[in-house]
N, C-alpha and C. Protein backbone atom coordinates (compact mmCIF):
# COMPACT_ATOMS: atom_id res chain seq x y z
N UNK A 1 -90.16 0.58 -204.59
CA UNK A 1 -89.51 1.58 -203.76
C UNK A 1 -88.41 0.93 -202.91
N UNK A 2 -88.76 -0.15 -202.22
CA UNK A 2 -87.79 -0.79 -201.33
C UNK A 2 -86.60 -1.34 -202.11
N UNK A 3 -86.85 -2.02 -203.20
CA UNK A 3 -85.75 -2.58 -204.00
C UNK A 3 -84.84 -1.49 -204.54
N UNK A 4 -85.43 -0.41 -205.05
CA UNK A 4 -84.63 0.72 -205.55
C UNK A 4 -83.77 1.32 -204.44
N UNK A 5 -84.34 1.48 -203.26
CA UNK A 5 -83.59 2.06 -202.13
C UNK A 5 -82.46 1.15 -201.69
N UNK A 6 -82.70 -0.16 -201.69
CA UNK A 6 -81.64 -1.10 -201.31
C UNK A 6 -80.49 -1.04 -202.31
N UNK A 7 -80.83 -0.97 -203.61
CA UNK A 7 -79.79 -0.89 -204.64
C UNK A 7 -79.02 0.42 -204.56
N UNK A 8 -79.72 1.55 -204.40
CA UNK A 8 -79.05 2.84 -204.27
C UNK A 8 -78.18 2.88 -203.02
N UNK A 9 -78.66 2.32 -201.93
CA UNK A 9 -77.92 2.30 -200.68
C UNK A 9 -76.63 1.48 -200.84
N UNK A 10 -76.75 0.35 -201.55
CA UNK A 10 -75.56 -0.48 -201.76
C UNK A 10 -74.50 0.24 -202.59
N UNK A 11 -74.92 1.07 -203.55
CA UNK A 11 -73.97 1.82 -204.37
C UNK A 11 -73.34 2.98 -203.61
N UNK A 12 -74.16 3.69 -202.83
CA UNK A 12 -73.68 4.91 -202.18
C UNK A 12 -73.01 4.67 -200.83
N UNK A 13 -73.47 3.67 -200.08
CA UNK A 13 -72.96 3.44 -198.73
C UNK A 13 -72.38 2.04 -198.65
N UNK A 14 -71.21 1.87 -199.15
CA UNK A 14 -70.57 0.55 -199.17
C UNK A 14 -70.20 0.13 -197.75
N UNK A 15 -70.48 -1.14 -197.45
CA UNK A 15 -70.13 -1.68 -196.14
C UNK A 15 -71.17 -1.44 -195.06
N UNK A 16 -72.23 -0.72 -195.36
CA UNK A 16 -73.28 -0.44 -194.39
C UNK A 16 -74.42 -1.43 -194.59
N UNK A 17 -74.89 -2.03 -193.52
CA UNK A 17 -76.02 -2.94 -193.60
C UNK A 17 -77.30 -2.11 -193.67
N UNK A 18 -78.13 -2.31 -194.72
CA UNK A 18 -79.32 -1.47 -194.85
C UNK A 18 -80.38 -1.80 -193.80
N UNK A 19 -80.81 -0.77 -193.14
CA UNK A 19 -81.94 -0.86 -192.21
C UNK A 19 -82.69 0.46 -192.36
N UNK A 20 -83.85 0.39 -192.99
CA UNK A 20 -84.56 1.60 -193.38
C UNK A 20 -85.72 1.93 -192.46
N UNK A 21 -86.02 3.21 -192.45
CA UNK A 21 -87.18 3.73 -191.75
C UNK A 21 -87.83 4.77 -192.66
N UNK A 22 -89.11 4.99 -192.50
CA UNK A 22 -89.79 6.00 -193.31
C UNK A 22 -89.35 7.38 -192.84
N UNK A 23 -88.80 8.16 -193.75
CA UNK A 23 -88.26 9.47 -193.39
C UNK A 23 -89.28 10.58 -193.56
N UNK A 24 -90.03 10.50 -194.63
CA UNK A 24 -90.93 11.60 -194.95
C UNK A 24 -92.15 11.03 -195.65
N UNK A 25 -93.32 11.41 -195.19
CA UNK A 25 -94.56 11.01 -195.84
C UNK A 25 -95.35 12.25 -196.21
N UNK A 26 -96.03 12.16 -197.34
CA UNK A 26 -96.88 13.26 -197.78
C UNK A 26 -98.17 12.66 -198.31
N UNK A 27 -99.27 13.15 -197.80
CA UNK A 27 -100.56 12.63 -198.20
C UNK A 27 -101.12 13.48 -199.33
N UNK A 28 -101.56 12.83 -200.40
CA UNK A 28 -102.17 13.50 -201.54
C UNK A 28 -103.57 12.91 -201.68
N UNK A 29 -104.53 13.46 -200.96
CA UNK A 29 -105.87 12.90 -200.98
C UNK A 29 -105.88 11.53 -200.33
N UNK A 30 -106.21 10.51 -201.11
CA UNK A 30 -106.20 9.14 -200.61
C UNK A 30 -104.90 8.43 -200.95
N UNK A 31 -103.97 9.10 -201.56
CA UNK A 31 -102.69 8.51 -201.98
C UNK A 31 -101.56 9.07 -201.12
N UNK A 32 -100.39 8.41 -201.20
CA UNK A 32 -99.24 8.78 -200.38
C UNK A 32 -97.97 8.87 -201.19
N UNK A 33 -97.07 9.72 -200.74
CA UNK A 33 -95.69 9.78 -201.22
C UNK A 33 -94.81 9.54 -200.00
N UNK A 34 -93.74 8.74 -200.19
CA UNK A 34 -92.85 8.43 -199.07
C UNK A 34 -91.40 8.46 -199.51
N UNK A 35 -90.54 8.72 -198.55
CA UNK A 35 -89.10 8.54 -198.75
C UNK A 35 -88.56 7.76 -197.56
N UNK A 36 -87.44 7.09 -197.78
CA UNK A 36 -86.83 6.25 -196.75
C UNK A 36 -85.46 6.79 -196.37
N UNK A 37 -85.04 6.52 -195.16
CA UNK A 37 -83.67 6.83 -194.76
C UNK A 37 -83.10 5.65 -194.00
N UNK A 38 -81.79 5.52 -194.05
CA UNK A 38 -81.09 4.44 -193.36
C UNK A 38 -80.86 4.83 -191.92
N UNK A 39 -81.13 3.90 -191.03
CA UNK A 39 -80.90 4.14 -189.60
C UNK A 39 -79.42 4.10 -189.28
N UNK A 40 -78.64 3.34 -190.08
CA UNK A 40 -77.22 3.14 -189.78
C UNK A 40 -76.29 4.18 -190.40
N UNK A 41 -76.76 4.91 -191.40
CA UNK A 41 -75.88 5.89 -192.04
C UNK A 41 -76.71 7.10 -192.49
N UNK A 42 -76.13 7.96 -193.30
CA UNK A 42 -76.78 9.20 -193.71
C UNK A 42 -77.61 9.07 -195.00
N UNK A 43 -77.79 7.87 -195.51
CA UNK A 43 -78.51 7.67 -196.77
C UNK A 43 -79.98 8.08 -196.62
N UNK A 44 -80.46 8.83 -197.62
CA UNK A 44 -81.87 9.21 -197.67
C UNK A 44 -82.31 9.14 -199.12
N UNK A 45 -83.42 8.47 -199.36
CA UNK A 45 -83.91 8.32 -200.74
C UNK A 45 -84.73 9.53 -201.15
N UNK A 46 -84.99 9.60 -202.43
CA UNK A 46 -85.92 10.60 -202.92
C UNK A 46 -87.35 10.18 -202.59
N UNK A 47 -88.29 11.04 -202.86
CA UNK A 47 -89.69 10.74 -202.57
C UNK A 47 -90.27 9.87 -203.67
N UNK A 48 -90.92 8.79 -203.28
CA UNK A 48 -91.57 7.87 -204.22
C UNK A 48 -93.07 8.06 -204.15
N UNK A 49 -93.70 8.09 -205.31
CA UNK A 49 -95.16 8.18 -205.38
C UNK A 49 -95.72 6.77 -205.30
N UNK A 50 -96.56 6.51 -204.32
CA UNK A 50 -97.13 5.19 -204.13
C UNK A 50 -98.52 5.12 -204.78
N UNK A 51 -98.64 5.76 -205.92
CA UNK A 51 -99.90 5.78 -206.66
C UNK A 51 -99.61 6.03 -208.12
N UNK A 52 -100.60 5.77 -208.95
CA UNK A 52 -100.52 6.09 -210.37
C UNK A 52 -101.12 7.47 -210.59
N UNK A 53 -100.59 8.19 -211.56
CA UNK A 53 -101.08 9.54 -211.87
C UNK A 53 -101.94 9.51 -213.12
N UNK A 54 -102.90 10.41 -213.17
CA UNK A 54 -103.73 10.61 -214.34
C UNK A 54 -103.05 11.66 -215.21
N UNK A 55 -102.79 11.33 -216.46
CA UNK A 55 -102.14 12.28 -217.36
C UNK A 55 -103.18 13.29 -217.84
N UNK A 56 -102.98 14.54 -217.48
CA UNK A 56 -103.95 15.59 -217.81
C UNK A 56 -103.51 16.45 -218.98
N UNK A 57 -102.23 16.43 -219.30
CA UNK A 57 -101.73 17.26 -220.37
C UNK A 57 -101.42 18.69 -219.93
N UNK A 58 -101.76 19.03 -218.70
CA UNK A 58 -101.50 20.37 -218.19
C UNK A 58 -100.27 20.41 -217.30
N UNK A 59 -99.96 21.61 -216.82
CA UNK A 59 -98.82 21.80 -215.93
C UNK A 59 -99.23 21.48 -214.50
N UNK A 60 -98.24 21.31 -213.65
CA UNK A 60 -98.49 21.12 -212.23
C UNK A 60 -98.61 19.66 -211.85
N UNK A 61 -98.97 19.48 -210.59
CA UNK A 61 -99.08 18.12 -210.05
C UNK A 61 -100.24 17.38 -210.70
N UNK A 62 -99.98 16.16 -211.09
CA UNK A 62 -101.01 15.32 -211.71
C UNK A 62 -101.82 14.65 -210.61
N UNK A 63 -103.14 14.53 -210.79
CA UNK A 63 -103.97 13.91 -209.75
C UNK A 63 -103.75 12.40 -209.68
N UNK A 64 -103.88 11.86 -208.48
CA UNK A 64 -103.78 10.42 -208.29
C UNK A 64 -105.05 9.77 -208.85
N UNK A 65 -104.87 8.61 -209.48
CA UNK A 65 -106.02 7.94 -210.08
C UNK A 65 -107.05 7.55 -209.02
N UNK A 66 -106.62 7.24 -207.80
CA UNK A 66 -107.58 6.89 -206.75
C UNK A 66 -108.45 8.07 -206.38
N UNK A 67 -107.88 9.27 -206.37
CA UNK A 67 -108.67 10.47 -206.04
C UNK A 67 -109.68 10.78 -207.14
N UNK A 68 -109.28 10.61 -208.39
CA UNK A 68 -110.20 10.86 -209.50
C UNK A 68 -111.27 9.78 -209.54
N UNK A 69 -110.89 8.54 -209.26
CA UNK A 69 -111.87 7.45 -209.24
C UNK A 69 -112.92 7.70 -208.16
N UNK A 70 -112.51 8.23 -207.02
CA UNK A 70 -113.46 8.57 -205.96
C UNK A 70 -114.46 9.60 -206.47
N UNK A 71 -114.00 10.60 -207.18
CA UNK A 71 -114.90 11.63 -207.69
C UNK A 71 -115.85 11.08 -208.76
N UNK A 72 -115.38 10.15 -209.58
CA UNK A 72 -116.26 9.53 -210.59
C UNK A 72 -117.37 8.76 -209.89
N UNK A 73 -117.02 8.03 -208.83
CA UNK A 73 -118.04 7.28 -208.08
C UNK A 73 -119.01 8.23 -207.40
N UNK A 74 -118.50 9.34 -206.84
CA UNK A 74 -119.38 10.29 -206.16
C UNK A 74 -120.35 10.96 -207.13
N UNK A 75 -119.97 11.12 -208.39
CA UNK A 75 -120.86 11.73 -209.37
C UNK A 75 -122.08 10.86 -209.64
N UNK A 76 -121.92 9.54 -209.50
CA UNK A 76 -123.02 8.61 -209.78
C UNK A 76 -123.71 8.13 -208.52
N UNK A 77 -123.46 8.77 -207.39
CA UNK A 77 -124.09 8.35 -206.14
C UNK A 77 -124.77 9.54 -205.48
N UNK A 78 -125.46 9.25 -204.41
CA UNK A 78 -126.18 10.30 -203.68
C UNK A 78 -125.31 10.97 -202.62
N UNK A 79 -124.06 10.57 -202.52
CA UNK A 79 -123.15 11.13 -201.52
C UNK A 79 -122.46 12.37 -202.11
N UNK A 80 -122.49 13.46 -201.38
CA UNK A 80 -121.84 14.69 -201.84
C UNK A 80 -120.40 14.72 -201.34
N UNK A 81 -119.64 15.70 -201.82
CA UNK A 81 -118.25 15.88 -201.35
C UNK A 81 -118.21 16.13 -199.85
N UNK A 82 -119.17 16.91 -199.34
CA UNK A 82 -119.21 17.21 -197.91
C UNK A 82 -119.43 15.95 -197.09
N UNK A 83 -120.37 15.13 -197.52
CA UNK A 83 -120.63 13.87 -196.80
C UNK A 83 -119.44 12.93 -196.90
N UNK A 84 -118.75 12.94 -198.05
CA UNK A 84 -117.57 12.11 -198.19
C UNK A 84 -116.47 12.56 -197.23
N UNK A 85 -116.33 13.86 -197.05
CA UNK A 85 -115.36 14.39 -196.07
C UNK A 85 -115.71 13.90 -194.66
N UNK A 86 -117.00 13.95 -194.30
CA UNK A 86 -117.43 13.46 -193.00
C UNK A 86 -117.13 11.96 -192.86
N UNK A 87 -117.38 11.21 -193.91
CA UNK A 87 -117.13 9.77 -193.89
C UNK A 87 -115.64 9.47 -193.69
N UNK A 88 -114.79 10.18 -194.43
CA UNK A 88 -113.35 9.96 -194.31
C UNK A 88 -112.83 10.33 -192.93
N UNK A 89 -113.28 11.47 -192.39
CA UNK A 89 -112.80 11.87 -191.06
C UNK A 89 -113.32 10.94 -189.98
N UNK A 90 -114.50 10.34 -190.18
CA UNK A 90 -115.03 9.43 -189.16
C UNK A 90 -114.22 8.14 -189.07
N UNK A 91 -113.51 7.77 -190.13
CA UNK A 91 -112.65 6.59 -190.09
C UNK A 91 -111.17 7.00 -189.97
N UNK A 92 -110.95 8.22 -189.51
CA UNK A 92 -109.62 8.75 -189.21
C UNK A 92 -108.72 8.84 -190.45
N UNK A 93 -109.29 9.20 -191.59
CA UNK A 93 -108.54 9.45 -192.81
C UNK A 93 -108.70 10.93 -193.13
N UNK A 94 -107.61 11.70 -193.15
CA UNK A 94 -107.74 13.12 -193.45
C UNK A 94 -108.31 13.31 -194.86
N UNK A 95 -109.39 14.09 -194.99
CA UNK A 95 -110.01 14.25 -196.30
C UNK A 95 -109.22 15.20 -197.19
N UNK A 96 -109.55 15.18 -198.46
CA UNK A 96 -108.97 16.12 -199.42
C UNK A 96 -109.51 17.51 -199.14
N UNK A 97 -108.78 18.51 -199.56
CA UNK A 97 -109.29 19.87 -199.42
C UNK A 97 -110.44 20.07 -200.41
N UNK A 98 -111.30 21.04 -200.15
CA UNK A 98 -112.43 21.30 -201.06
C UNK A 98 -111.94 21.68 -202.46
N UNK A 99 -110.89 22.46 -202.51
CA UNK A 99 -110.34 22.88 -203.82
C UNK A 99 -109.84 21.67 -204.60
N UNK A 100 -109.11 20.77 -203.92
CA UNK A 100 -108.58 19.58 -204.58
C UNK A 100 -109.71 18.64 -205.02
N UNK A 101 -110.75 18.52 -204.19
CA UNK A 101 -111.90 17.68 -204.56
C UNK A 101 -112.58 18.24 -205.81
N UNK A 102 -112.69 19.56 -205.90
CA UNK A 102 -113.32 20.18 -207.06
C UNK A 102 -112.48 19.93 -208.32
N UNK A 103 -111.16 20.10 -208.21
CA UNK A 103 -110.28 19.85 -209.36
C UNK A 103 -110.36 18.39 -209.80
N UNK A 104 -110.34 17.47 -208.83
CA UNK A 104 -110.45 16.04 -209.17
C UNK A 104 -111.80 15.73 -209.80
N UNK A 105 -112.83 16.44 -209.37
CA UNK A 105 -114.15 16.24 -209.96
C UNK A 105 -114.15 16.67 -211.42
N UNK A 106 -113.48 17.76 -211.73
CA UNK A 106 -113.39 18.22 -213.12
C UNK A 106 -112.61 17.21 -213.96
N UNK A 107 -111.50 16.70 -213.43
CA UNK A 107 -110.72 15.68 -214.15
C UNK A 107 -111.55 14.41 -214.33
N UNK A 108 -112.30 14.05 -213.28
CA UNK A 108 -113.13 12.86 -213.35
C UNK A 108 -114.23 12.99 -214.39
N UNK A 109 -114.82 14.17 -214.47
CA UNK A 109 -115.88 14.42 -215.46
C UNK A 109 -115.32 14.29 -216.88
N UNK A 110 -114.14 14.86 -217.10
CA UNK A 110 -113.51 14.76 -218.42
C UNK A 110 -113.14 13.32 -218.73
N UNK A 111 -112.60 12.61 -217.74
CA UNK A 111 -112.17 11.23 -217.95
C UNK A 111 -113.39 10.33 -218.22
N UNK A 112 -114.47 10.57 -217.48
CA UNK A 112 -115.68 9.79 -217.65
C UNK A 112 -116.28 10.01 -219.02
N UNK A 113 -116.28 11.26 -219.50
CA UNK A 113 -116.85 11.58 -220.80
C UNK A 113 -116.03 10.95 -221.93
N UNK A 114 -114.71 10.99 -221.83
CA UNK A 114 -113.88 10.40 -222.89
C UNK A 114 -113.98 8.88 -222.87
N UNK A 115 -114.19 8.28 -221.68
CA UNK A 115 -114.32 6.82 -221.62
C UNK A 115 -115.64 6.39 -222.26
N UNK A 116 -116.70 7.19 -222.09
CA UNK A 116 -117.99 6.83 -222.68
C UNK A 116 -118.01 7.03 -224.19
N UNK A 117 -117.31 8.06 -224.67
CA UNK A 117 -117.31 8.35 -226.12
C UNK A 117 -116.32 7.51 -226.89
N UNK A 118 -115.30 6.97 -226.19
CA UNK A 118 -114.23 6.26 -226.89
C UNK A 118 -114.42 4.83 -226.89
């Protein structure tokens, strides 16, 4: 992300010394998306995904592999989604929504089954 932003900044804003700050952050469960902007000029980067996505073959936003991995671990443990939400909020990490946790659980179940059969 940083190298791409420095290169784009050098092409678009000639003569400006790059000094970046985080412009926009978006939390996707346990993963993040960020964009940067230059403090010295009007340059603003696009949003970068700081996670890997699980290819589902469907439309819409693809789930982050960390979120699906969490659901796979929760399926094999005694901790429920509700308790995981309590655990995340107790360490000051905003938890996933219940709907998103359920969708990730379905993706995790499919991913776990194909990994065992393949």
